[in-house]
Protein backbone atom coordinates (compact mmCIF):
# COMPACT_ATOMS: atom_id res chain seq x y z
CA MET A 1 49.99 31.74 49.31
CA ASN A 2 52.75 29.46 48.04
CA PRO A 3 51.18 26.80 45.74
CA ILE A 4 52.68 23.96 47.76
CA VAL A 5 51.32 25.41 51.00
CA ALA A 6 47.96 26.01 49.32
CA ARG A 7 47.76 22.34 48.30
CA LEU A 8 48.69 21.27 51.81
CA MET A 9 46.02 23.50 53.37
CA SER A 10 43.47 22.24 50.84
CA THR A 11 44.28 18.70 51.93
CA VAL A 12 43.94 19.66 55.60
CA GLY A 13 40.59 21.33 54.97
CA GLY A 14 39.30 18.33 53.05
CA GLN A 15 40.39 15.92 55.78
CA LEU A 16 38.76 17.99 58.53
CA GLY A 17 35.47 17.98 56.64
CA ASN A 18 35.63 14.31 55.66
CA PRO A 19 38.48 12.30 57.26
CA HIS A 20 39.55 9.44 55.01
CA GLY A 21 42.39 7.19 54.00
CA VAL A 22 45.73 6.92 55.77
CA LEU A 23 45.68 10.60 56.70
CA GLY A 24 42.20 10.18 58.13
CA LYS A 25 43.50 7.94 60.91
CA GLY A 26 45.75 10.73 62.14
CA VAL A 27 42.97 13.27 61.70
CA ALA A 28 40.69 11.12 63.90
CA ARG A 29 43.24 11.22 66.72
CA PHE A 30 43.71 14.96 66.22
CA LEU A 31 39.96 15.58 66.34
CA ASN A 32 39.58 13.57 69.53
CA ARG A 33 42.34 15.52 71.23
CA GLY A 34 41.61 18.99 69.86
CA ASN A 35 37.82 18.87 70.10
CA ARG A 36 37.55 17.16 73.47
CA PRO A 37 37.01 20.32 75.61
CA MET A 38 34.22 21.51 73.31
CA ILE A 39 32.59 18.08 73.14
CA GLU A 40 32.76 17.62 76.91
CA ALA A 41 31.07 21.01 77.31
CA ALA A 42 28.46 20.09 74.70
CA VAL A 43 27.58 16.82 76.43
CA ALA A 44 27.20 18.67 79.74
CA ALA A 45 25.12 21.44 78.15
CA ALA A 46 22.84 18.84 76.55
CA GLU A 47 22.11 17.58 80.08
CA VAL A 48 22.61 13.99 78.99
CA SER A 49 21.57 11.57 81.73
CA GLY A 50 20.91 7.89 82.33
CA ALA A 51 18.34 6.20 80.09
CA ASP A 52 18.46 9.02 77.50
CA ALA A 53 18.47 8.42 73.78
CA ALA A 54 21.38 10.56 72.64
CA ALA A 55 23.13 11.18 69.32
CA ASP A 56 26.38 12.63 68.04
CA ILE A 57 26.02 13.88 64.47
CA GLY A 58 29.31 13.95 62.58
CA PHE A 59 31.17 12.13 65.36
CA GLY A 60 34.52 12.05 63.54
CA GLY A 61 37.15 10.51 65.81
CA GLY A 62 34.47 9.22 68.19
CA ILE A 63 35.27 10.94 71.49
CA GLY A 64 31.69 12.23 71.64
CA LEU A 65 30.39 8.67 71.43
CA THR A 66 32.59 7.67 74.36
CA LEU A 67 31.36 10.58 76.48
CA LEU A 68 27.71 10.01 75.62
CA LEU A 69 27.92 6.28 76.36
CA ALA A 70 29.33 7.07 79.80
CA ARG A 71 26.42 9.44 80.45
CA VAL A 72 23.48 7.32 79.31
CA GLY A 73 24.55 4.24 81.24
CA SER A 74 23.21 0.74 80.65
CA ALA A 75 19.61 1.91 80.21
CA GLY A 76 20.25 4.49 77.51
CA THR A 77 21.28 4.40 73.88
CA VAL A 78 23.65 6.40 71.71
CA THR A 79 23.42 6.86 67.96
CA GLY A 80 26.37 8.03 65.90
CA VAL A 81 25.75 9.52 62.47
CA GLU A 82 28.74 10.11 60.22
CA LEU A 83 29.36 11.13 56.62
CA SER A 84 32.84 9.60 56.34
CA PRO A 85 32.84 5.85 55.53
CA ASP A 86 36.35 5.56 57.01
CA MET A 87 35.28 7.09 60.32
CA LEU A 88 32.29 4.74 60.40
CA ARG A 89 34.54 1.73 59.85
CA ARG A 90 36.90 2.94 62.56
CA ALA A 91 34.03 3.38 65.02
CA HIS A 92 32.69 -0.11 64.26
CA SER A 93 36.07 -1.48 65.35
CA VAL A 94 36.64 0.78 68.35
CA PHE A 95 33.11 0.37 69.74
CA ALA A 96 32.49 -3.26 68.84
CA HIS A 97 31.49 -4.18 72.42
CA ASP A 98 28.94 -1.35 72.75
CA LEU A 99 27.50 -2.19 69.34
CA SER A 100 27.06 -5.86 70.23
CA ALA A 101 25.46 -4.88 73.55
CA GLY A 102 22.90 -2.71 71.75
CA ARG A 103 23.97 0.45 73.55
CA LEU A 104 25.34 2.05 70.39
CA LYS A 105 24.06 2.36 66.84
CA LEU A 106 26.17 3.69 63.98
CA THR A 107 24.78 4.86 60.67
CA ALA A 108 25.80 6.81 57.60
CA GLY A 109 24.12 10.17 57.17
CA SER A 110 24.51 13.91 57.02
CA LEU A 111 23.21 16.96 58.85
CA THR A 112 20.83 17.69 55.99
CA ASP A 113 19.48 14.13 55.77
CA LEU A 114 19.43 12.53 59.20
CA PRO A 115 18.52 8.81 59.19
CA LEU A 116 16.60 9.20 62.45
CA PRO A 117 12.85 9.10 63.16
CA ASP A 118 10.92 12.21 64.17
CA ALA A 119 11.01 13.05 67.90
CA SER A 120 13.35 10.16 68.70
CA MET A 121 16.19 11.87 70.63
CA ASP A 122 16.46 13.32 74.13
CA ALA A 123 19.86 14.88 73.41
CA VAL A 124 21.77 15.64 70.23
CA ILE A 125 25.23 17.13 69.90
CA THR A 126 27.13 18.15 66.78
CA CYS A 127 30.50 19.84 67.08
CA ASN A 128 32.61 21.56 64.42
CA THR A 129 30.35 20.30 61.65
CA VAL A 130 28.18 23.19 60.45
CA TYR A 131 31.16 24.84 58.70
CA PHE A 132 30.83 22.17 56.04
CA VAL A 133 27.08 22.52 55.40
CA SER A 134 25.89 24.81 52.63
CA ASP A 135 22.17 24.45 53.47
CA LEU A 136 22.13 25.50 57.11
CA GLU A 137 18.36 25.99 57.14
CA ARG A 138 17.77 22.35 56.23
CA ALA A 139 20.38 21.14 58.71
CA CYS A 140 18.74 23.00 61.60
CA THR A 141 15.29 21.81 60.51
CA GLU A 142 16.54 18.22 60.50
CA LEU A 143 18.18 18.57 63.92
CA ALA A 144 15.00 20.06 65.37
CA ARG A 145 12.88 17.34 63.74
CA VAL A 146 14.54 14.50 65.62
CA LEU A 147 14.25 16.10 69.08
CA ARG A 148 11.62 14.93 71.53
CA PRO A 149 9.39 17.67 72.98
CA LYS A 150 11.80 18.23 75.88
CA GLY A 151 14.92 17.31 73.94
CA ARG A 152 18.15 19.32 73.86
CA LEU A 153 20.32 20.13 70.86
CA VAL A 154 23.84 21.52 71.22
CA ILE A 155 25.74 22.87 68.23
CA GLY A 156 29.40 23.53 69.02
CA ILE A 157 31.57 25.72 66.82
CA GLY A 158 34.99 27.30 66.98
CA ASP A 159 34.81 31.08 67.10
CA PRO A 160 34.12 32.14 63.47
CA ASP A 161 36.37 35.19 63.57
CA VAL A 162 39.31 33.17 64.87
CA MET A 163 38.59 30.23 62.57
CA ALA A 164 38.54 32.53 59.54
CA LYS A 165 42.19 33.41 60.22
CA MET A 166 43.38 29.80 60.16
CA PRO A 167 45.45 28.90 57.07
CA PHE A 168 43.04 26.13 56.08
CA ALA A 169 39.97 28.38 56.39
CA PRO A 170 39.55 29.10 52.65
CA TYR A 171 39.32 25.39 51.84
CA GLY A 172 35.84 23.97 52.34
CA PHE A 173 34.80 26.01 55.37
CA ILE A 174 31.75 28.28 55.57
CA HIS A 175 32.25 30.83 58.36
CA ARG A 176 28.94 32.16 59.66
CA PRO A 177 28.51 34.70 62.48
CA VAL A 178 27.08 33.27 65.69
CA PRO A 179 23.92 35.47 65.45
CA GLU A 180 23.22 33.96 62.03
CA LEU A 181 23.41 30.44 63.45
CA ILE A 182 21.15 31.37 66.34
CA ALA A 183 18.58 32.94 64.01
CA THR A 184 18.57 29.85 61.80
CA MET A 185 17.98 27.58 64.79
CA GLN A 186 15.15 29.82 65.93
CA ARG A 187 13.49 29.62 62.52
CA ALA A 188 13.65 25.83 62.89
CA GLY A 189 11.48 26.12 66.00
CA LEU A 190 14.09 26.19 68.74
CA THR A 191 14.66 28.45 71.71
CA VAL A 192 18.40 29.07 71.85
CA ASP A 193 20.86 29.79 74.65
CA HIS A 194 24.44 30.80 73.87
CA ARG A 195 27.47 29.89 75.97
CA ASP A 196 31.14 30.68 75.43
CA VAL A 197 33.81 28.03 75.97
CA ALA A 198 37.34 29.25 76.58
CA GLY A 199 40.05 27.52 74.62
CA LYS A 200 43.41 27.95 72.91
CA PRO A 201 44.16 28.68 70.17
CA ILE A 202 40.45 28.74 69.23
CA PRO A 203 37.69 29.62 71.73
CA SER A 204 34.32 28.01 71.10
CA HIS A 205 30.61 28.70 71.25
CA LEU A 206 27.79 26.36 72.29
CA LEU A 207 24.33 27.02 70.91
CA ILE A 208 21.80 25.14 73.02
CA GLY A 209 18.42 24.63 71.42
CA ARG A 210 15.16 23.34 72.87
CA PRO A 211 11.82 22.99 71.08
CA THR A 212 10.00 26.29 71.46
CA ASP A 213 6.68 24.61 72.26
CA ALA A 214 8.12 22.37 74.97
């Protein structure tokens, strides 16, 4: 690959994993637009309803927060956990009203160190995030830990085979086969259903986990 193109793709990969700075503002808008079909499907698959305690882990541009807030209504709560300080600051501005009303909580954190109590969530979604996690076992254990006994977790990912062909794929992405993700969730104590989500140019997969002992 041309060195200039390689640097550009490295920048793109870094921004997708951790949006920041001036470029991060554009990335946030891109994530909201590009990820919306997957996130809408994830919210539906998580069966989010009124009065639920729901969370979006790695919310990026924030469209998942918007969709979850609409689902939980005035009696529910939404928690957004995000690694990027810039995306957190953006969300504090965009969702100021929901924050002041107590419907939304925003906090810094990562998939491998969730700042959430045990068994505190009815529904958790995380979309296009696990590519950036080296310790998938710990991430799945953490996600399972915060679910209530009848809680629902939805992990959304772009198709790994298609993603691996993207020009930014070599820069910060870990491409795991869907069966590997399912097996890791199962080892974390979840029963997993798998759904395909059509999309262009990248189709997606939803992995829907529920506590095995529920």
